[in-house]
Amino acid sequence: MHHVVSLSGGSASAVAASRVIDRYGKENTTLWFADTLWEDDDLYRFLNDLEQLWDMTIKRHTEGRTPLQVAEDRKIIPNSRIAPCSLVLKQQPFKRFLTKHKKPMTVHLGLDWTEAQRMARPKETYEEIEGVHVDYPLTWKPLPNLRYNDTIREWGIEVPRLYLMGFPHNNCGGRCVRQGVKEWKRLKEHFPQRFDDVAEWEQAQRAKGGPRGEWSIAKHTVDGEVKSLTLIDLKRLDEDSPQLGMFEAQDSFGCFCAY
């Protein structure tokens, strides 16, 4: 039985990988990472540190496009409801990799017991491949410390800097197209050029007309109605401005799209 771990570049999947290596041995384990070409530079440093820690090589896949390039090719403006980037850049390539890999195998994903509602879909997706079983190392007993960054520090590795800035994920350089107002404002604060680049891209897409002319990446709620909110408009408004509607609780989070 071989074991394949899908690494997202975040601390939880790293802890999951460590548990798999400890239980099954690195000679029986493959580590796989999908690069969106939109990652924070420090994510690559983190992967390099993990390779040195485990004395293993992480297989790195690149489709060749960024999330915005995927969206542009699909003629859409991505948002929390529609974001083909995760499917095209991560899930489909991973499934192709699994299909070609020697069976039987177990695929390990970095979801823990607090995310039980997310486990059924990837399990169903990957177990469609004959000879593939899906498991979740972060649910093994004894349950791990959910403060995954503390575990990373115990390994003697520096925590990815996006976490230290308050980002809830370490993907796409803090630019997850499914995230909400709160995280876009965080991006504007820490990486204003990244924010501006996405805002300018959004405007260019809207200028092409059609359905895209009214779409936006972010949204807010005004008088109980969900409305589009372009990043350019968000930049002009302060969170406390009466012109800026409320944002929903899930808008704090990124898409966590690896699975």
C-alpha atoms as a PDB file:
ATOM      1  CA  MET A   1       0.000   0.000   0.000  1.00  0.00           C
ATOM      2  CA  HIS A   2       1.378   3.394  -1.010  1.00  0.00           C
ATOM      3  CA  HIS A   3       0.367   6.679   0.614  1.00  0.00           C
ATOM      4  CA  VAL A   4      -0.034  10.022  -1.162  1.00  0.00           C
ATOM      5  CA  VAL A   5      -0.410  13.272   0.772  1.00  0.00           C
ATOM      6  CA  SER A   6      -1.910  16.334  -0.867  1.00  0.00           C
ATOM      7  CA  LEU A   7      -0.026  19.327   0.518  1.00  0.00           C
ATOM      8  CA  SER A   8      -1.779  22.680   0.263  1.00  0.00           C
ATOM      9  CA  GLY A   9       1.194  24.720   1.425  1.00  0.00           C
ATOM     10  CA  GLY A  10      -0.481  25.373   4.762  1.00  0.00           C
ATOM     11  CA  SER A  11       0.337  24.249   8.277  1.00  0.00           C
ATOM     12  CA  ALA A  12      -2.546  21.770   8.682  1.00  0.00           C
ATOM     13  CA  SER A  13      -1.620  19.720   5.628  1.00  0.00           C
ATOM     14  CA  ALA A  14       2.022  19.762   6.759  1.00  0.00           C
ATOM     15  CA  VAL A  15       1.040  18.269  10.128  1.00  0.00           C
ATOM     16  CA  ALA A  16      -1.091  15.688   8.294  1.00  0.00           C
ATOM     17  CA  ALA A  17       1.892  14.758   6.124  1.00  0.00           C
ATOM     18  CA  SER A  18       4.119  14.390   9.165  1.00  0.00           C
ATOM     19  CA  ARG A  19       1.633  11.948  10.715  1.00  0.00           C
ATOM     20  CA  VAL A  20       1.555   9.864   7.543  1.00  0.00           C
ATOM     21  CA  ILE A  21       5.349   9.752   7.344  1.00  0.00           C
ATOM     22  CA  ASP A  22       5.605   8.747  11.011  1.00  0.00           C
ATOM     23  CA  ARG A  23       3.030   5.976  10.634  1.00  0.00           C
ATOM     24  CA  TYR A  24       3.904   4.521   7.225  1.00  0.00           C
ATOM     25  CA  GLY A  25       7.488   5.640   6.575  1.00  0.00           C
ATOM     26  CA  LYS A  26       8.787   8.037   3.989  1.00  0.00           C
ATOM     27  CA  GLU A  27       9.697   5.163   1.666  1.00  0.00           C
ATOM     28  CA  ASN A  28       5.959   4.467   1.349  1.00  0.00           C
ATOM     29  CA  THR A  29       4.858   8.098   1.110  1.00  0.00           C
ATOM     30  CA  THR A  30       4.594  10.574  -1.771  1.00  0.00           C
ATOM     31  CA  LEU A  31       4.073  14.291  -1.132  1.00  0.00           C
ATOM     32  CA  TRP A  32       2.236  16.287  -3.841  1.00  0.00           C
ATOM     33  CA  PHE A  33       1.725  20.045  -4.189  1.00  0.00           C
ATOM     34  CA  ALA A  34      -0.140  22.024  -6.867  1.00  0.00           C
ATOM     35  CA  ASP A  35       1.430  25.414  -7.602  1.00  0.00           C
ATOM     36  CA  THR A  36      -1.028  28.058  -8.840  1.00  0.00           C
ATOM     37  CA  LEU A  37       1.856  30.380  -9.823  1.00  0.00           C
ATOM     38  CA  TRP A  38       0.126  32.939  -7.611  1.00  0.00           C
ATOM     39  CA  GLU A  39       1.646  31.885  -4.302  1.00  0.00           C
ATOM     40  CA  ASP A  40       3.425  33.972  -1.704  1.00  0.00           C
ATOM     41  CA  ASP A  41       7.202  33.641  -1.949  1.00  0.00           C
ATOM     42  CA  ASP A  42       7.303  32.458   1.653  1.00  0.00           C
ATOM     43  CA  LEU A  43       5.164  29.426   0.795  1.00  0.00           C
ATOM     44  CA  TYR A  44       8.025  28.072  -1.307  1.00  0.00           C
ATOM     45  CA  ARG A  45      10.420  28.687   1.569  1.00  0.00           C
ATOM     46  CA  PHE A  46       8.076  26.694   3.803  1.00  0.00           C
ATOM     47  CA  LEU A  47       7.997  23.780   1.340  1.00  0.00           C
ATOM     48  CA  ASN A  48      11.790  23.814   1.120  1.00  0.00           C
ATOM     49  CA  ASP A  49      12.028  23.710   4.920  1.00  0.00           C
ATOM     50  CA  LEU A  50       9.670  20.732   5.014  1.00  0.00           C
ATOM     51  CA  GLU A  51      11.749  18.891   2.435  1.00  0.00           C
ATOM     52  CA  GLN A  52      14.835  19.390   4.572  1.00  0.00           C
ATOM     53  CA  LEU A  53      13.006  18.366   7.748  1.00  0.00           C
ATOM     54  CA  TRP A  54      11.679  15.133   6.255  1.00  0.00           C
ATOM     55  CA  ASP A  55      14.586  14.513   3.863  1.00  0.00           C
ATOM     56  CA  MET A  56      12.025  14.053   1.101  1.00  0.00           C
ATOM     57  CA  THR A  57      11.232  15.703  -2.216  1.00  0.00           C
ATOM     58  CA  ILE A  58       7.778  17.216  -2.695  1.00  0.00           C
ATOM     59  CA  LYS A  59       6.360  16.604  -6.167  1.00  0.00           C
ATOM     60  CA  ARG A  60       5.314  20.011  -7.471  1.00  0.00           C
ATOM     61  CA  HIS A  61       2.750  20.319 -10.236  1.00  0.00           C
ATOM     62  CA  THR A  62       2.137  23.458 -12.279  1.00  0.00           C
ATOM     63  CA  GLU A  63      -0.665  23.670 -14.825  1.00  0.00           C
ATOM     64  CA  GLY A  64       0.829  26.832 -16.308  1.00  0.00           C
ATOM     65  CA  ARG A  65      -1.879  29.401 -15.554  1.00  0.00           C
ATOM     66  CA  THR A  66      -2.802  31.534 -12.566  1.00  0.00           C
ATOM     67  CA  PRO A  67      -6.354  31.618 -11.145  1.00  0.00           C
ATOM     68  CA  LEU A  68      -7.070  34.875 -12.985  1.00  0.00           C
ATOM     69  CA  GLN A  69      -5.864  33.419 -16.268  1.00  0.00           C
ATOM     70  CA  VAL A  70      -8.167  30.432 -15.789  1.00  0.00           C
ATOM     71  CA  ALA A  71     -11.076  32.790 -15.105  1.00  0.00           C
ATOM     72  CA  GLU A  72     -10.274  34.955 -18.105  1.00  0.00           C
ATOM     73  CA  ASP A  73     -10.160  31.923 -20.370  1.00  0.00           C
ATOM     74  CA  ARG A  74     -13.599  30.951 -19.018  1.00  0.00           C
ATOM     75  CA  LYS A  75     -14.833  34.527 -19.601  1.00  0.00           C
ATOM     76  CA  ILE A  76     -15.925  35.013 -16.001  1.00  0.00           C
ATOM     77  CA  ILE A  77     -15.110  37.088 -12.950  1.00  0.00           C
ATOM     78  CA  PRO A  78     -14.556  34.539 -10.160  1.00  0.00           C
ATOM     79  CA  ASN A  79     -16.118  34.891  -6.725  1.00  0.00           C
ATOM     80  CA  SER A  80     -17.422  32.816  -3.811  1.00  0.00           C
ATOM     81  CA  ARG A  81     -20.028  31.158  -6.037  1.00  0.00           C
ATOM     82  CA  ILE A  82     -17.949  30.340  -9.086  1.00  0.00           C
ATOM     83  CA  ALA A  83     -14.198  29.764  -9.062  1.00  0.00           C
ATOM     84  CA  PRO A  84     -12.913  27.156 -11.551  1.00  0.00           C
ATOM     85  CA  CYS A  85      -9.305  27.730 -10.495  1.00  0.00           C
ATOM     86  CA  SER A  86      -9.356  25.155  -7.705  1.00  0.00           C
ATOM     87  CA  LEU A  87     -10.835  22.507  -9.994  1.00  0.00           C
ATOM     88  CA  VAL A  88      -8.559  23.227 -12.950  1.00  0.00           C
ATOM     89  CA  LEU A  89      -5.277  23.977 -11.181  1.00  0.00           C
ATOM     90  CA  LYS A  90      -5.467  21.554  -8.260  1.00  0.00           C
ATOM     91  CA  GLN A  91      -8.180  18.918  -8.180  1.00  0.00           C
ATOM     92  CA  GLN A  92      -8.164  17.710 -11.779  1.00  0.00           C
ATOM     93  CA  PRO A  93      -4.338  17.471 -12.013  1.00  0.00           C
ATOM     94  CA  PHE A  94      -4.222  15.611  -8.695  1.00  0.00           C
ATOM     95  CA  LYS A  95      -6.833  13.152  -9.912  1.00  0.00           C
ATOM     96  CA  ARG A  96      -4.836  12.554 -13.111  1.00  0.00           C
ATOM     97  CA  PHE A  97      -1.733  11.940 -11.015  1.00  0.00           C
ATOM     98  CA  LEU A  98      -3.575   9.435  -8.844  1.00  0.00           C
ATOM     99  CA  THR A  99      -4.976   7.629 -11.861  1.00  0.00           C
ATOM    100  CA  LYS A 100      -1.467   6.981 -13.205  1.00  0.00           C
ATOM    101  CA  HIS A 101       0.030   6.009  -9.845  1.00  0.00           C
ATOM    102  CA  LYS A 102       0.505   2.398  -8.788  1.00  0.00           C
ATOM    103  CA  LYS A 103      -2.407   0.934  -6.805  1.00  0.00           C
ATOM    104  CA  PRO A 104      -3.550   0.244  -4.173  1.00  0.00           C
ATOM    105  CA  MET A 105      -2.994   3.591  -2.484  1.00  0.00           C
ATOM    106  CA  THR A 106      -4.374   5.787   0.248  1.00  0.00           C
ATOM    107  CA  VAL A 107      -4.804   9.507  -0.359  1.00  0.00           C
ATOM    108  CA  HIS A 108      -4.345  11.616   2.756  1.00  0.00           C
ATOM    109  CA  LEU A 109      -5.945  15.061   3.087  1.00  0.00           C
ATOM    110  CA  GLY A 110      -5.373  17.694   5.752  1.00  0.00           C
ATOM    111  CA  LEU A 111      -8.897  18.132   7.098  1.00  0.00           C
ATOM    112  CA  ASP A 112      -9.551  17.705  10.819  1.00  0.00           C
ATOM    113  CA  TRP A 113     -12.606  16.907  12.934  1.00  0.00           C
ATOM    114  CA  THR A 114     -13.776  20.530  12.855  1.00  0.00           C
ATOM    115  CA  GLU A 115     -14.197  20.207   9.071  1.00  0.00           C
ATOM    116  CA  ALA A 116     -16.163  16.956   8.991  1.00  0.00           C
ATOM    117  CA  GLN A 117     -18.761  18.569   6.726  1.00  0.00           C
ATOM    118  CA  ARG A 118     -16.109  18.904   4.000  1.00  0.00           C
ATOM    119  CA  MET A 119     -14.846  15.319   4.031  1.00  0.00           C
ATOM    120  CA  ALA A 120     -17.512  13.488   2.026  1.00  0.00           C
ATOM    121  CA  ARG A 121     -16.988  15.262  -1.296  1.00  0.00           C
ATOM    122  CA  PRO A 122     -13.238  14.674  -1.774  1.00  0.00           C
ATOM    123  CA  LYS A 123     -13.615  11.130  -0.502  1.00  0.00           C
ATOM    124  CA  GLU A 124     -16.255  10.453  -3.139  1.00  0.00           C
ATOM    125  CA  THR A 125     -14.239  12.219  -5.851  1.00  0.00           C
ATOM    126  CA  TYR A 126     -10.955  10.391  -5.350  1.00  0.00           C
ATOM    127  CA  GLU A 127     -12.408   7.014  -4.466  1.00  0.00           C
ATOM    128  CA  GLU A 128     -13.995   6.959  -7.918  1.00  0.00           C
ATOM    129  CA  ILE A 129     -10.531   5.829  -8.994  1.00  0.00           C
ATOM    130  CA  GLU A 130     -10.215   2.073  -8.610  1.00  0.00           C
ATOM    131  CA  GLY A 131      -7.753   1.112  -5.899  1.00  0.00           C
ATOM    132  CA  VAL A 132      -7.837   4.497  -4.117  1.00  0.00           C
ATOM    133  CA  HIS A 133      -8.894   5.016  -0.501  1.00  0.00           C
ATOM    134  CA  VAL A 134      -9.116   8.424   1.219  1.00  0.00           C
ATOM    135  CA  ASP A 135      -8.077   9.050   4.821  1.00  0.00           C
ATOM    136  CA  TYR A 136      -7.741  12.051   7.145  1.00  0.00           C
ATOM    137  CA  PRO A 137      -4.634  11.860   9.374  1.00  0.00           C
ATOM    138  CA  LEU A 138      -5.743  14.813  11.488  1.00  0.00           C
ATOM    139  CA  THR A 139      -8.619  12.674  12.774  1.00  0.00           C
ATOM    140  CA  TRP A 140      -6.332   9.870  13.964  1.00  0.00           C
ATOM    141  CA  LYS A 141      -6.028   9.340  17.702  1.00  0.00           C
ATOM    142  CA  PRO A 142      -4.473  10.877  19.608  1.00  0.00           C
ATOM    143  CA  LEU A 143      -5.982  13.947  18.016  1.00  0.00           C
ATOM    144  CA  PRO A 144      -3.375  16.579  17.141  1.00  0.00           C
ATOM    145  CA  ASN A 145      -3.049  20.011  18.675  1.00  0.00           C
ATOM    146  CA  LEU A 146      -5.275  22.160  16.467  1.00  0.00           C
ATOM    147  CA  ARG A 147      -2.817  25.015  16.879  1.00  0.00           C
ATOM    148  CA  TYR A 148      -0.914  23.722  13.886  1.00  0.00           C
ATOM    149  CA  ASN A 149       1.427  26.703  13.803  1.00  0.00           C
ATOM    150  CA  ASP A 150       2.643  25.751  17.286  1.00  0.00           C
ATOM    151  CA  THR A 151       3.567  22.322  15.923  1.00  0.00           C
ATOM    152  CA  ILE A 152       5.423  23.930  13.031  1.00  0.00           C
ATOM    153  CA  ARG A 153       7.447  25.986  15.502  1.00  0.00           C
ATOM    154  CA  GLU A 154       8.223  22.863  17.524  1.00  0.00           C
ATOM    155  CA  TRP A 155       9.796  21.415  14.381  1.00  0.00           C
ATOM    156  CA  GLY A 156      12.145  24.398  14.324  1.00  0.00           C
ATOM    157  CA  ILE A 157      10.530  25.812  11.184  1.00  0.00           C
ATOM    158  CA  GLU A 158       9.320  29.370  10.704  1.00  0.00           C
ATOM    159  CA  VAL A 159       5.546  29.694  10.372  1.00  0.00           C
ATOM    160  CA  PRO A 160       4.406  30.939   6.923  1.00  0.00           C
ATOM    161  CA  ARG A 161       4.246  34.693   7.105  1.00  0.00           C
ATOM    162  CA  LEU A 162       0.657  35.001   5.844  1.00  0.00           C
ATOM    163  CA  TYR A 163      -0.551  33.385   9.072  1.00  0.00           C
ATOM    164  CA  LEU A 164       1.424  35.914  11.105  1.00  0.00           C
ATOM    165  CA  MET A 165      -0.345  38.696   9.200  1.00  0.00           C
ATOM    166  CA  GLY A 166      -3.721  37.238  10.143  1.00  0.00           C
ATOM    167  CA  PHE A 167      -4.584  35.432   6.907  1.00  0.00           C
ATOM    168  CA  PRO A 168      -6.505  32.207   7.623  1.00  0.00           C
ATOM    169  CA  HIS A 169      -4.786  30.353   4.760  1.00  0.00           C
ATOM    170  CA  ASN A 170      -1.427  30.248   2.997  1.00  0.00           C
ATOM    171  CA  ASN A 171      -2.649  29.987  -0.580  1.00  0.00           C
ATOM    172  CA  CYS A 172      -2.600  32.265  -3.619  1.00  0.00           C
ATOM    173  CA  GLY A 173      -0.623  34.934  -1.805  1.00  0.00           C
ATOM    174  CA  GLY A 174      -3.667  35.995   0.209  1.00  0.00           C
ATOM    175  CA  ARG A 175      -5.692  36.607  -2.974  1.00  0.00           C
ATOM    176  CA  CYS A 176      -8.216  33.775  -2.823  1.00  0.00           C
ATOM    177  CA  VAL A 177     -10.962  34.814  -5.238  1.00  0.00           C
ATOM    178  CA  ARG A 178     -13.586  33.231  -2.980  1.00  0.00           C
ATOM    179  CA  GLN A 179     -12.662  35.228   0.097  1.00  0.00           C
ATOM    180  CA  GLY A 180     -14.765  38.110   1.317  1.00  0.00           C
ATOM    181  CA  VAL A 181     -14.435  41.759   2.190  1.00  0.00           C
ATOM    182  CA  LYS A 182     -12.487  41.267   5.401  1.00  0.00           C
ATOM    183  CA  GLU A 183      -9.691  39.337   3.727  1.00  0.00           C
ATOM    184  CA  TRP A 184      -9.526  41.667   0.725  1.00  0.00           C
ATOM    185  CA  LYS A 185      -9.063  44.544   3.154  1.00  0.00           C
ATOM    186  CA  ARG A 186      -6.326  42.552   4.867  1.00  0.00           C
ATOM    187  CA  LEU A 187      -4.647  42.027   1.494  1.00  0.00           C
ATOM    188  CA  LYS A 188      -4.880  45.752   0.744  1.00  0.00           C
ATOM    189  CA  GLU A 189      -3.208  46.519   4.062  1.00  0.00           C
ATOM    190  CA  HIS A 190      -0.305  44.079   3.740  1.00  0.00           C
ATOM    191  CA  PHE A 191       0.110  43.744  -0.025  1.00  0.00           C
ATOM    192  CA  PRO A 192      -1.367  46.843  -1.694  1.00  0.00           C
ATOM    193  CA  GLN A 193       0.197  46.058  -5.077  1.00  0.00           C
ATOM    194  CA  ARG A 194      -1.353  42.591  -5.133  1.00  0.00           C
ATOM    195  CA  PHE A 195      -4.710  44.156  -4.286  1.00  0.00           C
ATOM    196  CA  ASP A 196      -4.369  46.781  -7.013  1.00  0.00           C
ATOM    197  CA  ASP A 197      -3.354  44.206  -9.616  1.00  0.00           C
ATOM    198  CA  VAL A 198      -6.478  42.117  -8.979  1.00  0.00           C
ATOM    199  CA  ALA A 199      -8.677  45.228  -8.837  1.00  0.00           C
ATOM    200  CA  GLU A 200      -7.345  46.401 -12.214  1.00  0.00           C
ATOM    201  CA  TRP A 201      -7.870  42.949 -13.713  1.00  0.00           C
ATOM    202  CA  GLU A 202     -11.449  42.924 -12.438  1.00  0.00           C
ATOM    203  CA  GLN A 203     -12.153  46.290 -14.065  1.00  0.00           C
ATOM    204  CA  ALA A 204     -10.656  45.117 -17.354  1.00  0.00           C
ATOM    205  CA  GLN A 205     -12.898  42.050 -17.307  1.00  0.00           C
ATOM    206  CA  ARG A 206     -16.005  44.107 -16.519  1.00  0.00           C
ATOM    207  CA  ALA A 207     -15.180  46.418 -19.422  1.00  0.00           C
ATOM    208  CA  LYS A 208     -15.572  43.486 -21.806  1.00  0.00           C
ATOM    209  CA  GLY A 209     -19.313  43.625 -21.199  1.00  0.00           C
ATOM    210  CA  GLY A 210     -21.875  40.879 -21.194  1.00  0.00           C
ATOM    211  CA  PRO A 211     -22.608  39.198 -17.840  1.00  0.00           C
ATOM    212  CA  ARG A 212     -19.118  40.156 -16.699  1.00  0.00           C
ATOM    213  CA  GLY A 213     -20.108  43.801 -16.792  1.00  0.00           C
ATOM    214  CA  GLU A 214     -22.110  43.358 -13.602  1.00  0.00           C
ATOM    215  CA  TRP A 215     -20.071  40.667 -11.853  1.00  0.00           C
ATOM    216  CA  SER A 216     -17.546  41.301  -9.097  1.00  0.00           C
ATOM    217  CA  ILE A 217     -15.134  39.297  -6.981  1.00  0.00           C
ATOM    218  CA  ALA A 218     -16.450  40.563  -3.638  1.00  0.00           C
ATOM    219  CA  LYS A 219     -19.924  41.320  -2.324  1.00  0.00           C
ATOM    220  CA  HIS A 220     -21.630  43.044   0.572  1.00  0.00           C
ATOM    221  CA  THR A 221     -25.115  43.171   2.033  1.00  0.00           C
ATOM    222  CA  VAL A 222     -27.087  46.412   1.911  1.00  0.00           C
ATOM    223  CA  ASP A 223     -30.560  46.561   3.490  1.00  0.00           C
ATOM    224  CA  GLY A 224     -30.717  42.779   3.468  1.00  0.00           C
ATOM    225  CA  GLU A 225     -29.806  42.527  -0.220  1.00  0.00           C
ATOM    226  CA  VAL A 226     -26.533  41.018  -1.415  1.00  0.00           C
ATOM    227  CA  LYS A 227     -24.868  43.320  -3.907  1.00  0.00           C
ATOM    228  CA  SER A 228     -21.729  43.235  -6.006  1.00  0.00           C
ATOM    229  CA  LEU A 229     -18.750  45.147  -4.693  1.00  0.00           C
ATOM    230  CA  THR A 230     -15.779  45.711  -6.955  1.00  0.00           C
ATOM    231  CA  LEU A 231     -12.355  45.900  -5.390  1.00  0.00           C
ATOM    232  CA  ILE A 232     -11.961  49.422  -6.749  1.00  0.00           C
ATOM    233  CA  ASP A 233     -15.080  50.482  -4.829  1.00  0.00           C
ATOM    234  CA  LEU A 234     -13.900  48.613  -1.745  1.00  0.00           C
ATOM    235  CA  LYS A 235     -10.633  50.512  -1.862  1.00  0.00           C
ATOM    236  CA  ARG A 236     -12.500  53.799  -1.864  1.00  0.00           C
ATOM    237  CA  LEU A 237     -14.617  52.963   1.129  1.00  0.00           C
ATOM    238  CA  ASP A 238     -13.775  52.579   4.784  1.00  0.00           C
ATOM    239  CA  GLU A 239     -15.234  49.576   6.605  1.00  0.00           C
ATOM    240  CA  ASP A 240     -17.178  51.910   8.904  1.00  0.00           C
ATOM    241  CA  SER A 241     -18.545  53.979   6.057  1.00  0.00           C
ATOM    242  CA  PRO A 242     -22.345  53.922   5.814  1.00  0.00           C
ATOM    243  CA  GLN A 243     -21.879  53.287   2.101  1.00  0.00           C
ATOM    244  CA  LEU A 244     -20.289  49.900   2.818  1.00  0.00           C
ATOM    245  CA  GLY A 245     -22.766  47.196   3.664  1.00  0.00           C
ATOM    246  CA  MET A 246     -22.200  44.362   6.082  1.00  0.00           C
ATOM    247  CA  PHE A 247     -20.109  41.368   5.148  1.00  0.00           C
ATOM    248  CA  GLU A 248     -21.018  37.840   6.066  1.00  0.00           C
ATOM    249  CA  ALA A 249     -19.235  35.704   8.659  1.00  0.00           C
ATOM    250  CA  GLN A 250     -17.736  33.395   6.039  1.00  0.00           C
ATOM    251  CA  ASP A 251     -16.162  36.389   4.348  1.00  0.00           C
ATOM    252  CA  SER A 252     -13.338  36.088   6.861  1.00  0.00           C
ATOM    253  CA  PHE A 253     -12.147  32.923   5.202  1.00  0.00           C
ATOM    254  CA  GLY A 254     -10.488  31.797   2.027  1.00  0.00           C
ATOM    255  CA  CYS A 255     -11.666  28.980  -0.147  1.00  0.00           C
ATOM    256  CA  PHE A 256      -9.311  26.273   1.208  1.00  0.00           C
ATOM    257  CA  CYS A 257      -9.592  24.787  -2.255  1.00  0.00           C
ATOM    258  CA  ALA A 258      -6.964  22.046  -2.216  1.00  0.00           C
ATOM    259  CA  TYR A 259      -9.588  19.336  -1.792  1.00  0.00           C
END
